[in-house]
Each structure stands twice: as structure tokens, then as C-alpha cells.
């Protein structure tokens, strides 16, 4: 069995450090949460809530979301992510013998989108998104992209930490909430590794791809990007301001960040 590259807290110590509430706040935690609880307690609590939302509350069909996460994990060569996606598929009623059978219809379109988005997102075209919207609609497409963004983030985190699946895992999604109003646990002090000198901070950027751009070229590219039409309709602030999820911090002025408007407009939860 692969050994973790970082120390893991035991379940009891990890739970004591995390500001969590909810029905599963006392249940055993996944290895990645135990690895991060000491150094990033509030972030870890928020990630556990996010994990539950994607694995248990996503508007996507449970089979589709399991297959999407499995496709990403296979592309990333993340055994932990694959095991968890397959466990979720099993809980959703899918037989193990059918996991690798070819998909058809709308599901095929989504899975054909998942692999290139994972491995080469810059190759996704306007036509690819238009085809997906025609099949699923804008709200579901946003959910697909958000799920794959989370799956790829988690796979990279798992691969970096070098975590094996827990002896009693894969664990089901934990129904917990980040207790934002609870006591703020202090993270463990950061100590640089002994006997290792950090690299010097560069005085100037010398990346040849970056320095090859002159200022006028950069301004032209930015202007082209501003004029480019988006692939989805961007809701206005007036459309979404009254449907913000409970506990969402009210901004002091109307939001203009387009990605925030899309997320709050299509999946406020």
C-alpha cells in the first residue's frame, strides 16, 4: 500500500481541530481531511462541505456525476479519486461490470467533454460547449463544469499528498457544514524543513514566453478577450441578488465578476 507523504491526524484529533457541524460531524474523516486539518482547519472544513455538495447534492444524476469523476480520475491517474468515484457509482446502483461499457446518447456527450477538459482544457471549443448546452441546458452544463473543476482540483491534491484509500474506505460523503461562526481554530505553526535553504526570490521575471510580449501586444490581447462573447448567458446582478444562498456574505456593491455571476445565477447552492 502506498504510504502518505504527509502525517495524518487520527480521527478524534482531526475532528477536534475542524469547525464542523451536521449529522456526520462525528464520523470518520477521509485521509485528505486528516492530512490538512492541522495546517488548514477552516479550509478543510469548507472542503468537506464542498465534497458533500458535489457527491450528494449535485443537480446532476448520481450515475452521471460518478462517471464524470471517474473519467477525470482515470485521466489524472489518481487511484484514490477513481476508487471514490466507483464507490459512489456502486451506491447509486451501478454494477461494477458495467463501469467500462461504452456510454450512449447525452451521457456520451458529457463524458467525451470530461476527458479533454481534464487533460487539455484550452482545446475545448465554442462548438463543444454549444453541443453540450443543446443536450443538457445551461444550468446542467454549469454543474458539469463545476463538478469536473472540483474533481480535478481534488485529484491533484490527492496525488501531491500521496494518499492511499483508507483501510475502511472509500468513505461515503459526509453530511457536514463548515461552521463559519464557530471558534476559529489556530493552524499549526509553519516551520521550514531543517537543513534546506529556500531558493532565492528572483528580482525580475525572466520567463521567455512572458517577456516576448510587449505592452501593446498585451493590451491588444486583453481587448480581444473583453470583446469576446461568452459561451453561456451571464445573469445580471439584479437577477441573482434575491436568490443568494443563506449565509452568503452580501457584497457592499453589485457583483461584476462574471464567473461569480454565472455560479450564483445557475447554481446558487
C-alpha atoms as a PDB file:
ATOM      1  CA  UNK A   1       0.000   0.000   0.000  1.00  0.00           C
ATOM      2  CA  UNK A   2       1.277   3.470  -0.852  1.00  0.00           C
ATOM      3  CA  UNK A   3       2.320   5.495   2.205  1.00  0.00           C
ATOM      4  CA  UNK A   4       1.177   9.068   2.676  1.00  0.00           C
ATOM      5  CA  UNK A   5       3.814  11.745   2.097  1.00  0.00           C
ATOM      6  CA  UNK A   6       2.450  13.789   4.996  1.00  0.00           C
ATOM      7  CA  UNK A   7       1.484  12.894   8.572  1.00  0.00           C
ATOM      8  CA  UNK A   8      -2.185  12.154   9.236  1.00  0.00           C
ATOM      9  CA  UNK A   9      -4.006  13.108  12.412  1.00  0.00           C
ATOM     10  CA  UNK A  10      -6.154  10.415  13.955  1.00  0.00           C
ATOM     11  CA  UNK A  11      -9.895  10.821  13.553  1.00  0.00           C
ATOM     12  CA  UNK A  12     -10.514  12.226  17.038  1.00  0.00           C
ATOM     13  CA  UNK A  13      -7.760  14.835  16.844  1.00  0.00           C
ATOM     14  CA  UNK A  14      -8.786  15.901  13.338  1.00  0.00           C
ATOM     15  CA  UNK A  15     -12.428  16.338  14.382  1.00  0.00           C
ATOM     16  CA  UNK A  16     -11.355  18.476  17.359  1.00  0.00           C
ATOM     17  CA  UNK A  17      -9.482  20.829  15.047  1.00  0.00           C
ATOM     18  CA  UNK A  18     -12.180  21.248  12.406  1.00  0.00           C
ATOM     19  CA  UNK A  19     -15.070  23.742  12.780  1.00  0.00           C
ATOM     20  CA  UNK A  20     -17.790  21.347  11.607  1.00  0.00           C
ATOM     21  CA  UNK A  21     -21.460  20.833  12.337  1.00  0.00           C
ATOM     22  CA  UNK A  22     -24.044  18.492  10.884  1.00  0.00           C
ATOM     23  CA  UNK A  23     -25.237  14.883  11.166  1.00  0.00           C
ATOM     24  CA  UNK A  24     -21.864  13.371  10.206  1.00  0.00           C
ATOM     25  CA  UNK A  25     -19.592  15.717  12.164  1.00  0.00           C
ATOM     26  CA  UNK A  26     -18.500  12.838  14.430  1.00  0.00           C
ATOM     27  CA  UNK A  27     -17.984  10.256  11.662  1.00  0.00           C
ATOM     28  CA  UNK A  28     -14.505   9.120  10.494  1.00  0.00           C
ATOM     29  CA  UNK A  29     -12.901  11.567   8.089  1.00  0.00           C
ATOM     30  CA  UNK A  30     -11.257  10.904   4.720  1.00  0.00           C
ATOM     31  CA  UNK A  31      -7.456  10.775   4.689  1.00  0.00           C
ATOM     32  CA  UNK A  32      -7.086  14.088   2.872  1.00  0.00           C
ATOM     33  CA  UNK A  33      -9.055  15.890   5.603  1.00  0.00           C
ATOM     34  CA  UNK A  34      -6.861  14.339   8.297  1.00  0.00           C
ATOM     35  CA  UNK A  35      -3.775  15.417   6.341  1.00  0.00           C
ATOM     36  CA  UNK A  36      -4.911  19.055   6.111  1.00  0.00           C
ATOM     37  CA  UNK A  37      -6.744  19.535   9.416  1.00  0.00           C
ATOM     38  CA  UNK A  38      -3.720  20.733  11.392  1.00  0.00           C
ATOM     39  CA  UNK A  39      -2.396  23.286   8.913  1.00  0.00           C
ATOM     40  CA  UNK A  40      -5.650  24.403   7.237  1.00  0.00           C
ATOM     41  CA  UNK A  41      -8.544  23.708   9.640  1.00  0.00           C
ATOM     42  CA  UNK A  42     -11.089  26.180   8.234  1.00  0.00           C
ATOM     43  CA  UNK A  43     -10.203  25.433   4.616  1.00  0.00           C
ATOM     44  CA  UNK A  44     -10.508  21.701   5.319  1.00  0.00           C
ATOM     45  CA  UNK A  45     -13.950  22.172   6.874  1.00  0.00           C
ATOM     46  CA  UNK A  46     -15.091  24.157   3.834  1.00  0.00           C
ATOM     47  CA  UNK A  47     -13.707  21.466   1.506  1.00  0.00           C
ATOM     48  CA  UNK A  48     -15.577  18.731   3.369  1.00  0.00           C
ATOM     49  CA  UNK A  49     -18.807  20.670   2.863  1.00  0.00           C
ATOM     50  CA  UNK A  50     -17.959  21.181  -0.815  1.00  0.00           C
ATOM     51  CA  UNK A  51     -17.201  17.465  -1.187  1.00  0.00           C
ATOM     52  CA  UNK A  52     -20.637  16.596   0.198  1.00  0.00           C
ATOM     53  CA  UNK A  53     -22.389  19.066  -2.079  1.00  0.00           C
ATOM     54  CA  UNK A  54     -20.748  17.660  -5.203  1.00  0.00           C
ATOM     55  CA  UNK A  55     -21.099  13.989  -4.276  1.00  0.00           C
ATOM     56  CA  UNK A  56     -24.568  14.048  -2.691  1.00  0.00           C
ATOM     57  CA  UNK A  57     -26.416  17.258  -3.588  1.00  0.00           C
ATOM     58  CA  UNK A  58     -25.343  18.000  -7.151  1.00  0.00           C
ATOM     59  CA  UNK A  59     -28.258  18.586  -9.557  1.00  0.00           C
ATOM     60  CA  UNK A  60     -26.636  16.030 -11.861  1.00  0.00           C
ATOM     61  CA  UNK A  61     -27.850  12.438 -11.957  1.00  0.00           C
ATOM     62  CA  UNK A  62     -25.817  10.348  -9.445  1.00  0.00           C
ATOM     63  CA  UNK A  63     -24.658   7.943 -12.166  1.00  0.00           C
ATOM     64  CA  UNK A  64     -23.515  10.784 -14.412  1.00  0.00           C
ATOM     65  CA  UNK A  65     -21.627  12.599 -11.683  1.00  0.00           C
ATOM     66  CA  UNK A  66     -19.904   9.372 -10.634  1.00  0.00           C
ATOM     67  CA  UNK A  67     -18.902   8.636 -14.221  1.00  0.00           C
ATOM     68  CA  UNK A  68     -17.632  12.176 -14.736  1.00  0.00           C
ATOM     69  CA  UNK A  69     -15.444  11.978 -11.637  1.00  0.00           C
ATOM     70  CA  UNK A  70     -14.206   8.525 -12.639  1.00  0.00           C
ATOM     71  CA  UNK A  71     -13.302   9.816 -16.121  1.00  0.00           C
ATOM     72  CA  UNK A  72     -11.294  12.656 -14.573  1.00  0.00           C
ATOM     73  CA  UNK A  73      -9.564  10.332 -12.100  1.00  0.00           C
ATOM     74  CA  UNK A  74      -8.581   7.883 -14.844  1.00  0.00           C
ATOM     75  CA  UNK A  75      -7.195  10.728 -16.949  1.00  0.00           C
ATOM     76  CA  UNK A  76      -5.268  12.044 -13.933  1.00  0.00           C
ATOM     77  CA  UNK A  77      -4.122   8.538 -12.925  1.00  0.00           C
ATOM     78  CA  UNK A  78      -5.464   9.148  -9.446  1.00  0.00           C
ATOM     79  CA  UNK A  79      -6.271   5.778  -7.862  1.00  0.00           C
ATOM     80  CA  UNK A  80      -7.840   7.392  -4.779  1.00  0.00           C
ATOM     81  CA  UNK A  81     -10.178   9.551  -6.863  1.00  0.00           C
ATOM     82  CA  UNK A  82     -11.081   6.574  -9.041  1.00  0.00           C
ATOM     83  CA  UNK A  83     -11.873   4.392  -6.020  1.00  0.00           C
ATOM     84  CA  UNK A  84     -14.156   7.052  -4.550  1.00  0.00           C
ATOM     85  CA  UNK A  85     -15.958   7.665  -7.842  1.00  0.00           C
ATOM     86  CA  UNK A  86     -16.524   3.926  -8.258  1.00  0.00           C
ATOM     87  CA  UNK A  87     -17.802   3.624  -4.685  1.00  0.00           C
ATOM     88  CA  UNK A  88     -20.297   6.418  -5.369  1.00  0.00           C
ATOM     89  CA  UNK A  89     -21.383   4.640  -8.564  1.00  0.00           C
ATOM     90  CA  UNK A  90     -21.901   1.445  -6.584  1.00  0.00           C
ATOM     91  CA  UNK A  91     -24.024   3.334  -4.016  1.00  0.00           C
ATOM     92  CA  UNK A  92     -26.044   4.778  -6.912  1.00  0.00           C
ATOM     93  CA  UNK A  93     -26.898   1.230  -8.012  1.00  0.00           C
ATOM     94  CA  UNK A  94     -24.450   0.743 -10.877  1.00  0.00           C
ATOM     95  CA  UNK A  95     -22.937  -2.713 -11.279  1.00  0.00           C
ATOM     96  CA  UNK A  96     -19.140  -2.900 -11.385  1.00  0.00           C
ATOM     97  CA  UNK A  97     -19.240  -5.000 -14.550  1.00  0.00           C
ATOM     98  CA  UNK A  98     -20.790  -2.095 -16.488  1.00  0.00           C
ATOM     99  CA  UNK A  99     -18.358   0.678 -15.478  1.00  0.00           C
ATOM    100  CA  UNK A 100     -16.296   0.383 -18.639  1.00  0.00           C
ATOM    101  CA  UNK A 101     -19.138  -0.243 -21.065  1.00  0.00           C
ATOM    102  CA  UNK A 102     -19.460   2.448 -23.773  1.00  0.00           C
ATOM    103  CA  UNK A 103     -21.950   5.194 -22.958  1.00  0.00           C
ATOM    104  CA  UNK A 104     -24.527   6.446 -25.433  1.00  0.00           C
ATOM    105  CA  UNK A 105     -26.698   9.494 -26.033  1.00  0.00           C
ATOM    106  CA  UNK A 106     -26.436  12.536 -23.758  1.00  0.00           C
ATOM    107  CA  UNK A 107     -24.153  10.759 -21.285  1.00  0.00           C
ATOM    108  CA  UNK A 108     -21.641  10.099 -24.061  1.00  0.00           C
ATOM    109  CA  UNK A 109     -21.502  13.824 -24.867  1.00  0.00           C
ATOM    110  CA  UNK A 110     -20.725  14.667 -21.235  1.00  0.00           C
ATOM    111  CA  UNK A 111     -18.015  12.013 -20.867  1.00  0.00           C
ATOM    112  CA  UNK A 112     -16.442  12.983 -24.194  1.00  0.00           C
ATOM    113  CA  UNK A 113     -16.244  16.509 -22.782  1.00  0.00           C
ATOM    114  CA  UNK A 114     -14.784  15.453 -19.422  1.00  0.00           C
ATOM    115  CA  UNK A 115     -11.520  13.934 -20.630  1.00  0.00           C
ATOM    116  CA  UNK A 116     -10.268  16.836 -22.803  1.00  0.00           C
ATOM    117  CA  UNK A 117     -11.397  19.334 -20.159  1.00  0.00           C
ATOM    118  CA  UNK A 118      -9.193  17.419 -17.712  1.00  0.00           C
ATOM    119  CA  UNK A 119      -6.135  17.000 -19.927  1.00  0.00           C
ATOM    120  CA  UNK A 120      -6.241  19.962 -22.329  1.00  0.00           C
ATOM    121  CA  UNK A 121      -8.894  22.482 -21.319  1.00  0.00           C
ATOM    122  CA  UNK A 122      -7.626  25.045 -23.814  1.00  0.00           C
ATOM    123  CA  UNK A 123      -8.694  22.759 -26.669  1.00  0.00           C
ATOM    124  CA  UNK A 124     -12.401  22.993 -25.735  1.00  0.00           C
ATOM    125  CA  UNK A 125     -14.202  24.908 -28.481  1.00  0.00           C
ATOM    126  CA  UNK A 126     -17.322  27.051 -28.632  1.00  0.00           C
ATOM    127  CA  UNK A 127     -18.918  24.258 -30.653  1.00  0.00           C
ATOM    128  CA  UNK A 128     -18.169  21.714 -27.893  1.00  0.00           C
ATOM    129  CA  UNK A 129     -19.984  23.848 -25.318  1.00  0.00           C
ATOM    130  CA  UNK A 130     -22.870  24.630 -27.679  1.00  0.00           C
ATOM    131  CA  UNK A 131     -23.378  20.893 -28.271  1.00  0.00           C
ATOM    132  CA  UNK A 132     -23.381  20.230 -24.533  1.00  0.00           C
ATOM    133  CA  UNK A 133     -25.845  23.067 -23.867  1.00  0.00           C
ATOM    134  CA  UNK A 134     -28.151  21.737 -26.591  1.00  0.00           C
ATOM    135  CA  UNK A 135     -28.120  18.378 -24.800  1.00  0.00           C
ATOM    136  CA  UNK A 136     -28.275  19.397 -21.134  1.00  0.00           C
ATOM    137  CA  UNK A 137     -29.181  23.081 -20.932  1.00  0.00           C
ATOM    138  CA  UNK A 138     -27.099  25.846 -19.401  1.00  0.00           C
ATOM    139  CA  UNK A 139     -27.799  25.055 -15.742  1.00  0.00           C
ATOM    140  CA  UNK A 140     -26.705  21.436 -16.078  1.00  0.00           C
ATOM    141  CA  UNK A 141     -23.632  22.393 -18.103  1.00  0.00           C
ATOM    142  CA  UNK A 142     -22.531  24.747 -15.321  1.00  0.00           C
ATOM    143  CA  UNK A 143     -22.978  21.863 -12.863  1.00  0.00           C
ATOM    144  CA  UNK A 144     -20.872  19.578 -15.091  1.00  0.00           C
ATOM    145  CA  UNK A 145     -18.056  22.129 -15.321  1.00  0.00           C
ATOM    146  CA  UNK A 146     -18.138  22.801 -11.574  1.00  0.00           C
ATOM    147  CA  UNK A 147     -18.055  19.081 -10.775  1.00  0.00           C
ATOM    148  CA  UNK A 148     -15.102  18.485 -13.091  1.00  0.00           C
ATOM    149  CA  UNK A 149     -13.280  21.527 -11.713  1.00  0.00           C
ATOM    150  CA  UNK A 150     -13.669  20.098  -8.210  1.00  0.00           C
ATOM    151  CA  UNK A 151     -12.693  16.570  -9.290  1.00  0.00           C
ATOM    152  CA  UNK A 152      -9.522  17.808 -10.968  1.00  0.00           C
ATOM    153  CA  UNK A 153      -8.603  20.004  -8.009  1.00  0.00           C
ATOM    154  CA  UNK A 154      -9.103  17.094  -5.613  1.00  0.00           C
ATOM    155  CA  UNK A 155      -7.190  14.613  -7.793  1.00  0.00           C
ATOM    156  CA  UNK A 156      -4.180  16.921  -7.909  1.00  0.00           C
ATOM    157  CA  UNK A 157      -4.330  17.432  -4.161  1.00  0.00           C
ATOM    158  CA  UNK A 158      -4.526  13.682  -3.566  1.00  0.00           C
ATOM    159  CA  UNK A 159      -1.651  12.941  -5.927  1.00  0.00           C
ATOM    160  CA  UNK A 160       0.513  15.585  -4.270  1.00  0.00           C
ATOM    161  CA  UNK A 161      -0.189  14.284  -0.767  1.00  0.00           C
ATOM    162  CA  UNK A 162       0.340  10.692  -1.925  1.00  0.00           C
ATOM    163  CA  UNK A 163      -2.670   9.393  -0.018  1.00  0.00           C
ATOM    164  CA  UNK A 164      -3.843   5.770  -0.149  1.00  0.00           C
ATOM    165  CA  UNK A 165      -7.509   4.875   0.240  1.00  0.00           C
ATOM    166  CA  UNK A 166      -8.395   4.458   3.896  1.00  0.00           C
ATOM    167  CA  UNK A 167      -8.470   0.883   5.304  1.00  0.00           C
ATOM    168  CA  UNK A 168     -12.225   1.319   5.880  1.00  0.00           C
ATOM    169  CA  UNK A 169     -12.732   3.367   2.701  1.00  0.00           C
ATOM    170  CA  UNK A 170     -13.816   4.600   0.317  1.00  0.00           C
ATOM    171  CA  UNK A 171     -15.958   6.542   2.763  1.00  0.00           C
ATOM    172  CA  UNK A 172     -19.405   7.889   1.846  1.00  0.00           C
ATOM    173  CA  UNK A 173     -19.794  11.660   1.532  1.00  0.00           C
ATOM    174  CA  UNK A 174     -20.027  13.253   4.967  1.00  0.00           C
ATOM    175  CA  UNK A 175     -23.074  15.426   5.623  1.00  0.00           C
ATOM    176  CA  UNK A 176     -21.248  18.275   7.359  1.00  0.00           C
ATOM    177  CA  UNK A 177     -21.211  22.056   7.205  1.00  0.00           C
ATOM    178  CA  UNK A 178     -18.378  24.483   7.730  1.00  0.00           C
ATOM    179  CA  UNK A 179     -19.254  26.244  10.990  1.00  0.00           C
ATOM    180  CA  UNK A 180     -18.270  29.765   9.986  1.00  0.00           C
ATOM    181  CA  UNK A 181     -19.489  31.223  13.271  1.00  0.00           C
ATOM    182  CA  UNK A 182     -17.740  28.678  15.471  1.00  0.00           C
ATOM    183  CA  UNK A 183     -14.391  29.131  17.212  1.00  0.00           C
ATOM    184  CA  UNK A 184     -11.560  29.773  14.783  1.00  0.00           C
ATOM    185  CA  UNK A 185      -9.001  27.016  15.407  1.00  0.00           C
ATOM    186  CA  UNK A 186      -5.389  28.091  15.185  1.00  0.00           C
ATOM    187  CA  UNK A 187      -3.423  26.329  12.446  1.00  0.00           C
ATOM    188  CA  UNK A 188      -0.198  24.576  13.361  1.00  0.00           C
ATOM    189  CA  UNK A 189       2.883  26.814  13.142  1.00  0.00           C
ATOM    190  CA  UNK A 190       4.708  26.684   9.831  1.00  0.00           C
ATOM    191  CA  UNK A 191       8.285  25.507  10.228  1.00  0.00           C
ATOM    192  CA  UNK A 192      10.679  25.389   7.262  1.00  0.00           C
ATOM    193  CA  UNK A 193      12.324  21.987   6.733  1.00  0.00           C
ATOM    194  CA  UNK A 194      15.597  21.710   8.587  1.00  0.00           C
ATOM    195  CA  UNK A 195      18.768  21.736   6.545  1.00  0.00           C
ATOM    196  CA  UNK A 196      17.104  23.089   3.402  1.00  0.00           C
ATOM    197  CA  UNK A 197      17.621  26.581   2.072  1.00  0.00           C
ATOM    198  CA  UNK A 198      14.743  28.022   0.041  1.00  0.00           C
ATOM    199  CA  UNK A 199      15.583  29.206  -3.476  1.00  0.00           C
ATOM    200  CA  UNK A 200      16.282  32.915  -3.866  1.00  0.00           C
ATOM    201  CA  UNK A 201      13.410  35.172  -4.838  1.00  0.00           C
ATOM    202  CA  UNK A 202      14.012  36.396  -8.420  1.00  0.00           C
ATOM    203  CA  UNK A 203      14.475  40.126  -8.809  1.00  0.00           C
ATOM    204  CA  UNK A 204      12.796  40.178 -12.207  1.00  0.00           C
ATOM    205  CA  UNK A 205      10.626  37.949 -14.386  1.00  0.00           C
ATOM    206  CA  UNK A 206      12.728  36.134 -16.960  1.00  0.00           C
ATOM    207  CA  UNK A 207      10.156  33.723 -18.389  1.00  0.00           C
ATOM    208  CA  UNK A 208      10.831  33.899 -22.162  1.00  0.00           C
ATOM    209  CA  UNK A 209       7.165  33.354 -23.081  1.00  0.00           C
ATOM    210  CA  UNK A 210       6.146  36.278 -20.884  1.00  0.00           C
ATOM    211  CA  UNK A 211       8.974  38.632 -21.779  1.00  0.00           C
ATOM    212  CA  UNK A 212       8.335  38.018 -25.500  1.00  0.00           C
ATOM    213  CA  UNK A 213       5.109  40.036 -25.138  1.00  0.00           C
ATOM    214  CA  UNK A 214       5.439  43.783 -25.387  1.00  0.00           C
ATOM    215  CA  UNK A 215       2.942  46.041 -23.628  1.00  0.00           C
ATOM    216  CA  UNK A 216       0.997  46.972 -26.767  1.00  0.00           C
ATOM    217  CA  UNK A 217       0.600  43.302 -27.709  1.00  0.00           C
ATOM    218  CA  UNK A 218      -0.654  42.534 -24.213  1.00  0.00           C
ATOM    219  CA  UNK A 219      -3.199  45.377 -24.372  1.00  0.00           C
ATOM    220  CA  UNK A 220      -4.438  44.135 -27.755  1.00  0.00           C
ATOM    221  CA  UNK A 221      -4.941  40.613 -26.437  1.00  0.00           C
ATOM    222  CA  UNK A 222      -6.786  41.898 -23.390  1.00  0.00           C
ATOM    223  CA  UNK A 223      -9.072  43.989 -25.583  1.00  0.00           C
ATOM    224  CA  UNK A 224      -9.847  40.980 -27.796  1.00  0.00           C
ATOM    225  CA  UNK A 225     -10.701  38.996 -24.691  1.00  0.00           C
ATOM    226  CA  UNK A 226     -13.042  41.739 -23.431  1.00  0.00           C
ATOM    227  CA  UNK A 227     -14.889  41.814 -26.751  1.00  0.00           C
ATOM    228  CA  UNK A 228     -15.249  38.037 -26.932  1.00  0.00           C
ATOM    229  CA  UNK A 229     -18.764  36.684 -26.420  1.00  0.00           C
ATOM    230  CA  UNK A 230     -19.201  34.174 -23.617  1.00  0.00           C
ATOM    231  CA  UNK A 231     -20.404  30.620 -24.154  1.00  0.00           C
ATOM    232  CA  UNK A 232     -23.242  30.998 -21.647  1.00  0.00           C
ATOM    233  CA  UNK A 233     -25.594  33.836 -20.869  1.00  0.00           C
ATOM    234  CA  UNK A 234     -24.261  35.753 -17.867  1.00  0.00           C
ATOM    235  CA  UNK A 235     -27.036  36.594 -15.386  1.00  0.00           C
ATOM    236  CA  UNK A 236     -27.194  40.171 -14.149  1.00  0.00           C
ATOM    237  CA  UNK A 237     -26.757  41.135 -10.521  1.00  0.00           C
ATOM    238  CA  UNK A 238     -30.420  42.191 -10.376  1.00  0.00           C
ATOM    239  CA  UNK A 239     -31.415  38.643 -11.375  1.00  0.00           C
ATOM    240  CA  UNK A 240     -29.463  36.904  -8.640  1.00  0.00           C
ATOM    241  CA  UNK A 241     -29.305  39.318  -5.700  1.00  0.00           C
ATOM    242  CA  UNK A 242     -32.552  37.986  -4.206  1.00  0.00           C
ATOM    243  CA  UNK A 243     -31.628  34.298  -4.521  1.00  0.00           C
ATOM    244  CA  UNK A 244     -28.283  34.281  -2.733  1.00  0.00           C
ATOM    245  CA  UNK A 245     -27.901  31.165  -0.560  1.00  0.00           C
ATOM    246  CA  UNK A 246     -28.358  31.508   3.222  1.00  0.00           C
ATOM    247  CA  UNK A 247     -25.225  32.779   4.893  1.00  0.00           C
ATOM    248  CA  UNK A 248     -23.720  34.165   1.705  1.00  0.00           C
ATOM    249  CA  UNK A 249     -21.943  37.424   2.583  1.00  0.00           C
ATOM    250  CA  UNK A 250     -23.750  40.337   0.981  1.00  0.00           C
ATOM    251  CA  UNK A 251     -21.285  42.277  -1.177  1.00  0.00           C
ATOM    252  CA  UNK A 252     -21.015  46.018  -0.498  1.00  0.00           C
ATOM    253  CA  UNK A 253     -21.723  46.746  -4.158  1.00  0.00           C
ATOM    254  CA  UNK A 254     -23.181  44.821  -7.127  1.00  0.00           C
ATOM    255  CA  UNK A 255     -21.019  41.936  -8.304  1.00  0.00           C
ATOM    256  CA  UNK A 256     -19.416  42.314 -11.710  1.00  0.00           C
ATOM    257  CA  UNK A 257     -17.133  39.257 -11.708  1.00  0.00           C
ATOM    258  CA  UNK A 258     -18.599  37.158 -14.490  1.00  0.00           C
ATOM    259  CA  UNK A 259     -17.648  33.755 -13.081  1.00  0.00           C
ATOM    260  CA  UNK A 260     -19.314  34.675  -9.761  1.00  0.00           C
ATOM    261  CA  UNK A 261     -22.457  35.798 -11.588  1.00  0.00           C
ATOM    262  CA  UNK A 262     -22.577  32.511 -13.514  1.00  0.00           C
ATOM    263  CA  UNK A 263     -22.131  30.378 -10.391  1.00  0.00           C
ATOM    264  CA  UNK A 264     -24.666  32.330  -8.330  1.00  0.00           C
ATOM    265  CA  UNK A 265     -27.091  32.555 -11.227  1.00  0.00           C
ATOM    266  CA  UNK A 266     -27.074  28.901 -12.274  1.00  0.00           C
ATOM    267  CA  UNK A 267     -26.179  27.090  -9.029  1.00  0.00           C
ATOM    268  CA  UNK A 268     -26.632  29.409  -6.041  1.00  0.00           C
ATOM    269  CA  UNK A 269     -26.488  26.478  -3.652  1.00  0.00           C
END
